[in-house]
C-alpha atoms as a PDB file:
ATOM      1  CA  UNK A   1      65.858  62.771  62.267  1.00  0.00           C
ATOM      2  CA  UNK A   2      68.085  59.691  62.265  1.00  0.00           C
ATOM      3  CA  UNK A   3      71.154  61.792  61.525  1.00  0.00           C
ATOM      4  CA  UNK A   4      70.399  64.031  64.513  1.00  0.00           C
ATOM      5  CA  UNK A   5      70.304  60.957  66.737  1.00  0.00           C
ATOM      6  CA  UNK A   6      73.619  59.807  65.277  1.00  0.00           C
ATOM      7  CA  UNK A   7      75.116  63.229  66.077  1.00  0.00           C
ATOM      8  CA  UNK A   8      73.908  62.843  69.656  1.00  0.00           C
ATOM      9  CA  UNK A   9      75.407  59.340  69.874  1.00  0.00           C
ATOM     10  CA  UNK A  10      78.723  60.645  68.514  1.00  0.00           C
ATOM     11  CA  UNK A  11      78.650  63.386  71.150  1.00  0.00           C
ATOM     12  CA  UNK A  12      78.036  60.785  73.853  1.00  0.00           C
ATOM     13  CA  UNK A  13      80.974  58.703  72.581  1.00  0.00           C
ATOM     14  CA  UNK A  14      83.218  61.746  72.956  1.00  0.00           C
ATOM     15  CA  UNK A  15      81.792  62.483  76.399  1.00  0.00           C
ATOM     16  CA  UNK A  16      82.394  58.873  77.465  1.00  0.00           C
ATOM     17  CA  UNK A  17      86.000  59.105  76.322  1.00  0.00           C
ATOM     18  CA  UNK A  18      86.412  62.408  78.133  1.00  0.00           C
ATOM     19  CA  UNK A  19      85.091  61.044  81.414  1.00  0.00           C
ATOM     20  CA  UNK A  20      86.671  57.584  81.471  1.00  0.00           C
ATOM     21  CA  UNK A  21      90.124  58.053  79.938  1.00  0.00           C
ATOM     22  CA  UNK A  22      93.181  59.179  81.883  1.00  0.00           C
ATOM     23  CA  UNK A  23      95.532  59.674  78.942  1.00  0.00           C
ATOM     24  CA  UNK A  24      95.834  63.353  77.929  1.00  0.00           C
ATOM     25  CA  UNK A  25      96.011  62.571  74.196  1.00  0.00           C
ATOM     26  CA  UNK A  26      92.836  60.477  74.389  1.00  0.00           C
ATOM     27  CA  UNK A  27      91.098  63.274  76.275  1.00  0.00           C
ATOM     28  CA  UNK A  28      92.023  65.777  73.545  1.00  0.00           C
ATOM     29  CA  UNK A  29      90.770  63.350  70.872  1.00  0.00           C
ATOM     30  CA  UNK A  30      87.502  62.925  72.795  1.00  0.00           C
ATOM     31  CA  UNK A  31      87.041  66.702  72.877  1.00  0.00           C
ATOM     32  CA  UNK A  32      87.638  66.815  69.116  1.00  0.00           C
ATOM     33  CA  UNK A  33      84.997  64.111  68.572  1.00  0.00           C
ATOM     34  CA  UNK A  34      82.523  66.130  70.623  1.00  0.00           C
ATOM     35  CA  UNK A  35      83.298  69.264  68.596  1.00  0.00           C
ATOM     36  CA  UNK A  36      82.884  67.387  65.336  1.00  0.00           C
ATOM     37  CA  UNK A  37      79.470  66.061  66.370  1.00  0.00           C
ATOM     38  CA  UNK A  38      78.330  69.609  67.177  1.00  0.00           C
ATOM     39  CA  UNK A  39      79.604  70.830  63.809  1.00  0.00           C
ATOM     40  CA  UNK A  40      77.604  68.160  62.004  1.00  0.00           C
ATOM     41  CA  UNK A  41      74.486  68.940  64.025  1.00  0.00           C
ATOM     42  CA  UNK A  42      74.687  72.668  63.301  1.00  0.00           C
ATOM     43  CA  UNK A  43      75.173  71.948  59.602  1.00  0.00           C
ATOM     44  CA  UNK A  44      72.017  69.834  59.680  1.00  0.00           C
ATOM     45  CA  UNK A  45      70.098  72.741  61.209  1.00  0.00           C
ATOM     46  CA  UNK A  46      70.715  74.807  58.084  1.00  0.00           C
ATOM     47  CA  UNK A  47      69.919  71.984  55.652  1.00  0.00           C
ATOM     48  CA  UNK A  48      66.661  72.055  53.713  1.00  0.00           C
ATOM     49  CA  UNK A  49      65.676  69.039  51.635  1.00  0.00           C
ATOM     50  CA  UNK A  50      65.461  70.112  48.014  1.00  0.00           C
ATOM     51  CA  UNK A  51      66.908  73.542  48.759  1.00  0.00           C
ATOM     52  CA  UNK A  52      69.277  75.289  46.375  1.00  0.00           C
ATOM     53  CA  UNK A  53      72.196  77.644  46.873  1.00  0.00           C
ATOM     54  CA  UNK A  54      71.080  81.155  47.861  1.00  0.00           C
ATOM     55  CA  UNK A  55      72.091  82.789  44.591  1.00  0.00           C
ATOM     56  CA  UNK A  56      69.109  84.856  43.508  1.00  0.00           C
ATOM     57  CA  UNK A  57      68.944  85.383  39.773  1.00  0.00           C
ATOM     58  CA  UNK A  58      65.325  86.519  39.546  1.00  0.00           C
ATOM     59  CA  UNK A  59      64.305  83.573  37.368  1.00  0.00           C
ATOM     60  CA  UNK A  60      62.736  81.345  40.019  1.00  0.00           C
ATOM     61  CA  UNK A  61      60.610  83.282  42.508  1.00  0.00           C
ATOM     62  CA  UNK A  62      59.226  80.234  44.348  1.00  0.00           C
ATOM     63  CA  UNK A  63      62.538  78.468  44.966  1.00  0.00           C
ATOM     64  CA  UNK A  64      63.485  77.170  48.406  1.00  0.00           C
ATOM     65  CA  UNK A  65      66.919  78.366  49.469  1.00  0.00           C
ATOM     66  CA  UNK A  66      69.332  76.845  51.968  1.00  0.00           C
ATOM     67  CA  UNK A  67      70.393  79.126  54.819  1.00  0.00           C
ATOM     68  CA  UNK A  68      74.135  79.922  54.408  1.00  0.00           C
ATOM     69  CA  UNK A  69      74.604  81.310  57.932  1.00  0.00           C
ATOM     70  CA  UNK A  70      75.176  77.954  59.704  1.00  0.00           C
ATOM     71  CA  UNK A  71      77.765  77.027  57.087  1.00  0.00           C
ATOM     72  CA  UNK A  72      79.689  80.243  57.672  1.00  0.00           C
ATOM     73  CA  UNK A  73      79.483  79.796  61.439  1.00  0.00           C
ATOM     74  CA  UNK A  74      80.766  76.223  61.212  1.00  0.00           C
ATOM     75  CA  UNK A  75      83.717  77.256  59.051  1.00  0.00           C
ATOM     76  CA  UNK A  76      84.694  79.739  61.743  1.00  0.00           C
ATOM     77  CA  UNK A  77      84.134  77.162  64.487  1.00  0.00           C
ATOM     78  CA  UNK A  78      86.325  74.623  62.668  1.00  0.00           C
ATOM     79  CA  UNK A  79      89.220  77.080  62.615  1.00  0.00           C
ATOM     80  CA  UNK A  80      88.756  77.887  66.302  1.00  0.00           C
ATOM     81  CA  UNK A  81      88.463  74.173  67.131  1.00  0.00           C
ATOM     82  CA  UNK A  82      91.653  73.415  65.229  1.00  0.00           C
ATOM     83  CA  UNK A  83      93.519  76.109  67.140  1.00  0.00           C
ATOM     84  CA  UNK A  84      92.153  74.834  70.451  1.00  0.00           C
ATOM     85  CA  UNK A  85      93.144  71.260  69.631  1.00  0.00           C
ATOM     86  CA  UNK A  86      96.644  72.356  68.637  1.00  0.00           C
ATOM     87  CA  UNK A  87      97.011  74.308  71.870  1.00  0.00           C
ATOM     88  CA  UNK A  88      95.816  71.363  73.964  1.00  0.00           C
ATOM     89  CA  UNK A  89      98.218  69.002  72.201  1.00  0.00           C
ATOM     90  CA  UNK A  90     101.068  71.453  72.794  1.00  0.00           C
ATOM     91  CA  UNK A  91     100.206  71.562  76.500  1.00  0.00           C
ATOM     92  CA  UNK A  92     100.047  67.752  76.598  1.00  0.00           C
ATOM     93  CA  UNK A  93     103.489  67.509  74.973  1.00  0.00           C
ATOM     94  CA  UNK A  94     104.940  70.012  77.446  1.00  0.00           C
ATOM     95  CA  UNK A  95     103.489  68.015  80.339  1.00  0.00           C
ATOM     96  CA  UNK A  96     104.952  64.822  78.880  1.00  0.00           C
ATOM     97  CA  UNK A  97     108.380  66.411  78.611  1.00  0.00           C
ATOM     98  CA  UNK A  98     108.226  67.531  82.225  1.00  0.00           C
ATOM     99  CA  UNK A  99     106.616  64.485  83.891  1.00  0.00           C
ATOM    100  CA  UNK A 100     107.437  61.709  81.338  1.00  0.00           C
ATOM    101  CA  UNK A 101     103.832  60.485  81.328  1.00  0.00           C
ATOM    102  CA  UNK A 102     100.472  61.289  79.761  1.00  0.00           C
ATOM    103  CA  UNK A 103      98.503  59.803  82.679  1.00  0.00           C
ATOM    104  CA  UNK A 104      96.713  62.570  84.559  1.00  0.00           C
ATOM    105  CA  UNK A 105      96.581  60.581  87.804  1.00  0.00           C
ATOM    106  CA  UNK A 106     100.380  60.325  87.893  1.00  0.00           C
ATOM    107  CA  UNK A 107     100.830  63.999  86.951  1.00  0.00           C
ATOM    108  CA  UNK A 108      98.471  64.995  89.768  1.00  0.00           C
ATOM    109  CA  UNK A 109     100.453  62.945  92.302  1.00  0.00           C
ATOM    110  CA  UNK A 110     103.847  64.349  91.239  1.00  0.00           C
ATOM    111  CA  UNK A 111     105.115  67.577  92.737  1.00  0.00           C
ATOM    112  CA  UNK A 112     107.479  70.056  91.107  1.00  0.00           C
END
């Protein structure tokens, strides 16, 4: 239960950075922190204390197995999150090359 609360706190840290920061790079990092906290939380959903890998050999009929579905989903989500982060950083770099700043308030005020 404590780890779930820590995941929620990590999500709130990312949300705080997303809301309060004006630098595009810091905003992208805050989004990555939020994604990471969700990944950890979803991994904890599939965790069973004392569970073993779901490889059924027929020897232990009363064994408790860990659900592998959240792990597979998180691996896919990590790849998608990495691609999203790379795309956002590429957009931030293009905006920096055009406007010579990462500050979103200054970019909003500039025209052209």
